[in-house]
Amino acid sequence: MESYLDDNRDVKLLYMQLDEPDGTGHRSGYGINSPDYLQAITKSDQLVGRVLTKMEPLGLDEDSLIIILTDHGGGGADSHSQGSGHPEDMTAFCLGLCRSWHQAGHTSF
C-alpha cells in the first residue's frame, strides 16, 4: 500500500479491506481470550499505522477523512461465531479521523 501511495500522490479514494481478524475469529475464537485473534488485530493495526505514517509526508493527511470500521462483533453466544443477538455480536467498531476537523478544535463528529 505504501508504494501505491508513492505512485498515486493524487489519490482521491483509498479502500483497504483487512479480513484476517474476522477469519481468525471464526477459526480461533473472538475476544480477549484468543491470542490468535488479538495477534490478527495487532497485525491489522500495524498495517493501518503504516498507511497513516506514509500519508503524512505525502501531505495526504491534510484534507482526508479516514474511517475505520468493522461489519460486526463476535464471540457473544459462541466464541467462534457472530450470528446471535448477543451484544458482543451486535457491536461494531467505528472510528473516524480527520486532521482538519481536530485542528479546528472539534472532538467528535
C-alpha atoms as a PDB file:
ATOM      1  CA  MET A   1       0.000   0.000   0.000  1.00  0.00           C
ATOM      2  CA  GLU A   2       2.862   2.388   0.741  1.00  0.00           C
ATOM      3  CA  SER A   3       4.249   2.008  -2.789  1.00  0.00           C
ATOM      4  CA  TYR A   4       0.763   2.626  -4.200  1.00  0.00           C
ATOM      5  CA  LEU A   5       0.637   5.930  -2.332  1.00  0.00           C
ATOM      6  CA  ASP A   6       4.105   6.853  -3.635  1.00  0.00           C
ATOM      7  CA  ASP A   7       2.940   6.198  -7.191  1.00  0.00           C
ATOM      8  CA  ASN A   8      -0.503   7.841  -6.790  1.00  0.00           C
ATOM      9  CA  ARG A   9       0.018  11.019  -4.818  1.00  0.00           C
ATOM     10  CA  ASP A  10      -3.210  12.492  -6.175  1.00  0.00           C
ATOM     11  CA  VAL A  11      -5.307   9.608  -4.845  1.00  0.00           C
ATOM     12  CA  LYS A  12      -8.894  10.668  -4.036  1.00  0.00           C
ATOM     13  CA  LEU A  13     -10.206   7.416  -2.580  1.00  0.00           C
ATOM     14  CA  LEU A  14      -8.323   4.582  -0.929  1.00  0.00           C
ATOM     15  CA  TYR A  15     -10.021   1.435   0.291  1.00  0.00           C
ATOM     16  CA  MET A  16      -8.404  -1.290   2.376  1.00  0.00           C
ATOM     17  CA  GLN A  17     -10.162  -4.445   3.484  1.00  0.00           C
ATOM     18  CA  LEU A  18      -8.483  -6.418   6.231  1.00  0.00           C
ATOM     19  CA  ASP A  19     -10.265  -9.756   6.569  1.00  0.00           C
ATOM     20  CA  GLU A  20      -7.838 -11.584   8.819  1.00  0.00           C
ATOM     21  CA  PRO A  21      -9.308 -10.618  12.215  1.00  0.00           C
ATOM     22  CA  ASP A  22     -12.712 -11.976  11.168  1.00  0.00           C
ATOM     23  CA  GLY A  23     -11.266 -15.157   9.659  1.00  0.00           C
ATOM     24  CA  THR A  24      -9.134 -15.716  12.741  1.00  0.00           C
ATOM     25  CA  GLY A  25     -12.146 -15.142  14.986  1.00  0.00           C
ATOM     26  CA  HIS A  26     -14.040 -17.893  13.193  1.00  0.00           C
ATOM     27  CA  ARG A  27     -11.043 -20.264  13.341  1.00  0.00           C
ATOM     28  CA  SER A  28      -9.626 -19.486  16.779  1.00  0.00           C
ATOM     29  CA  GLY A  29     -12.358 -17.593  18.590  1.00  0.00           C
ATOM     30  CA  TYR A  30     -13.159 -13.924  19.085  1.00  0.00           C
ATOM     31  CA  GLY A  31     -12.282 -11.860  22.113  1.00  0.00           C
ATOM     32  CA  ILE A  32      -9.547 -11.244  24.616  1.00  0.00           C
ATOM     33  CA  ASN A  33      -9.176 -14.945  25.419  1.00  0.00           C
ATOM     34  CA  SER A  34      -7.990 -15.747  21.882  1.00  0.00           C
ATOM     35  CA  PRO A  35      -4.287 -14.968  21.391  1.00  0.00           C
ATOM     36  CA  ASP A  36      -4.568 -15.631  17.632  1.00  0.00           C
ATOM     37  CA  TYR A  37      -7.441 -13.150  17.339  1.00  0.00           C
ATOM     38  CA  LEU A  38      -5.522 -10.493  19.275  1.00  0.00           C
ATOM     39  CA  GLN A  39      -2.482 -11.103  17.052  1.00  0.00           C
ATOM     40  CA  ALA A  40      -4.626 -10.636  13.919  1.00  0.00           C
ATOM     41  CA  ILE A  41      -5.947  -7.343  15.301  1.00  0.00           C
ATOM     42  CA  THR A  42      -2.396  -6.237  16.139  1.00  0.00           C
ATOM     43  CA  LYS A  43      -1.227  -7.029  12.603  1.00  0.00           C
ATOM     44  CA  SER A  44      -4.151  -5.082  11.106  1.00  0.00           C
ATOM     45  CA  ASP A  45      -3.404  -2.159  13.408  1.00  0.00           C
ATOM     46  CA  GLN A  46       0.210  -2.184  12.244  1.00  0.00           C
ATOM     47  CA  LEU A  47      -0.852  -2.199   8.570  1.00  0.00           C
ATOM     48  CA  VAL A  48      -3.192   0.752   9.103  1.00  0.00           C
ATOM     49  CA  GLY A  49      -0.414   2.524  11.014  1.00  0.00           C
ATOM     50  CA  ARG A  50       1.983   2.059   8.097  1.00  0.00           C
ATOM     51  CA  VAL A  51      -0.526   3.631   5.705  1.00  0.00           C
ATOM     52  CA  LEU A  52      -1.215   6.568   8.046  1.00  0.00           C
ATOM     53  CA  THR A  53       2.521   7.078   8.543  1.00  0.00           C
ATOM     54  CA  LYS A  54       3.029   7.094   4.770  1.00  0.00           C
ATOM     55  CA  MET A  55       0.204   9.590   4.206  1.00  0.00           C
ATOM     56  CA  GLU A  56       1.706  12.332   6.373  1.00  0.00           C
ATOM     57  CA  PRO A  57       4.941  13.108   4.448  1.00  0.00           C
ATOM     58  CA  LEU A  58       2.982  12.973   1.175  1.00  0.00           C
ATOM     59  CA  GLY A  59       0.537  15.576   2.519  1.00  0.00           C
ATOM     60  CA  LEU A  60      -2.372  13.183   2.072  1.00  0.00           C
ATOM     61  CA  ASP A  61      -3.432  13.579   5.690  1.00  0.00           C
ATOM     62  CA  GLU A  62      -4.102  17.311   5.305  1.00  0.00           C
ATOM     63  CA  ASP A  63      -7.574  17.010   3.829  1.00  0.00           C
ATOM     64  CA  SER A  64      -8.553  13.367   4.349  1.00  0.00           C
ATOM     65  CA  LEU A  65     -11.312  11.629   6.186  1.00  0.00           C
ATOM     66  CA  ILE A  66     -10.221   8.223   7.441  1.00  0.00           C
ATOM     67  CA  ILE A  67     -12.904   5.773   8.507  1.00  0.00           C
ATOM     68  CA  ILE A  68     -12.028   2.506  10.207  1.00  0.00           C
ATOM     69  CA  LEU A  69     -14.859   0.090  10.927  1.00  0.00           C
ATOM     70  CA  THR A  70     -15.903  -3.496  11.363  1.00  0.00           C
ATOM     71  CA  ASP A  71     -19.021  -5.122   9.981  1.00  0.00           C
ATOM     72  CA  HIS A  72     -19.896  -6.939  13.213  1.00  0.00           C
ATOM     73  CA  GLY A  73     -18.603  -8.001  16.597  1.00  0.00           C
ATOM     74  CA  GLY A  74     -18.140 -11.591  17.639  1.00  0.00           C
ATOM     75  CA  GLY A  75     -17.738 -14.112  20.413  1.00  0.00           C
ATOM     76  CA  GLY A  76     -21.005 -13.399  22.194  1.00  0.00           C
ATOM     77  CA  ALA A  77     -23.131 -16.536  22.357  1.00  0.00           C
ATOM     78  CA  ASP A  78     -20.441 -18.656  20.619  1.00  0.00           C
ATOM     79  CA  SER A  79     -16.737 -17.810  20.807  1.00  0.00           C
ATOM     80  CA  HIS A  80     -16.250 -18.782  17.139  1.00  0.00           C
ATOM     81  CA  SER A  81     -19.293 -17.032  15.655  1.00  0.00           C
ATOM     82  CA  GLN A  82     -21.022 -13.670  15.394  1.00  0.00           C
ATOM     83  CA  GLY A  83     -24.556 -14.575  14.376  1.00  0.00           C
ATOM     84  CA  SER A  84     -26.509 -14.230  17.609  1.00  0.00           C
ATOM     85  CA  GLY A  85     -28.323 -11.280  19.124  1.00  0.00           C
ATOM     86  CA  HIS A  86     -25.722 -11.093  21.918  1.00  0.00           C
ATOM     87  CA  PRO A  87     -24.388  -7.537  22.424  1.00  0.00           C
ATOM     88  CA  GLU A  88     -20.805  -8.659  21.677  1.00  0.00           C
ATOM     89  CA  ASP A  89     -22.006  -9.967  18.305  1.00  0.00           C
ATOM     90  CA  MET A  90     -24.100  -6.905  17.536  1.00  0.00           C
ATOM     91  CA  THR A  91     -21.472  -4.286  18.425  1.00  0.00           C
ATOM     92  CA  ALA A  92     -19.383  -2.948  15.532  1.00  0.00           C
ATOM     93  CA  PHE A  93     -16.301  -0.768  15.925  1.00  0.00           C
ATOM     94  CA  CYS A  94     -16.186   2.567  14.084  1.00  0.00           C
ATOM     95  CA  LEU A  95     -13.522   5.284  14.204  1.00  0.00           C
ATOM     96  CA  GLY A  96     -13.376   8.481  12.154  1.00  0.00           C
ATOM     97  CA  LEU A  97     -10.217  10.577  11.839  1.00  0.00           C
ATOM     98  CA  CYS A  98      -9.949  13.948  10.160  1.00  0.00           C
ATOM     99  CA  ARG A  99      -6.896  16.122  10.808  1.00  0.00           C
ATOM    100  CA  SER A 100      -8.508  19.446   9.861  1.00  0.00           C
ATOM    101  CA  TRP A 101     -11.572  18.618  11.988  1.00  0.00           C
ATOM    102  CA  HIS A 102      -9.415  18.178  15.085  1.00  0.00           C
ATOM    103  CA  GLN A 103      -7.202  21.158  14.268  1.00  0.00           C
ATOM    104  CA  ALA A 104     -10.351  23.275  14.269  1.00  0.00           C
ATOM    105  CA  GLY A 105     -10.951  22.202  17.875  1.00  0.00           C
ATOM    106  CA  HIS A 106     -13.686  19.619  17.296  1.00  0.00           C
ATOM    107  CA  THR A 107     -13.542  16.481  19.393  1.00  0.00           C
ATOM    108  CA  SER A 108     -16.351  14.348  17.927  1.00  0.00           C
ATOM    109  CA  PHE A 109     -18.424  14.026  14.793  1.00  0.00           C
END
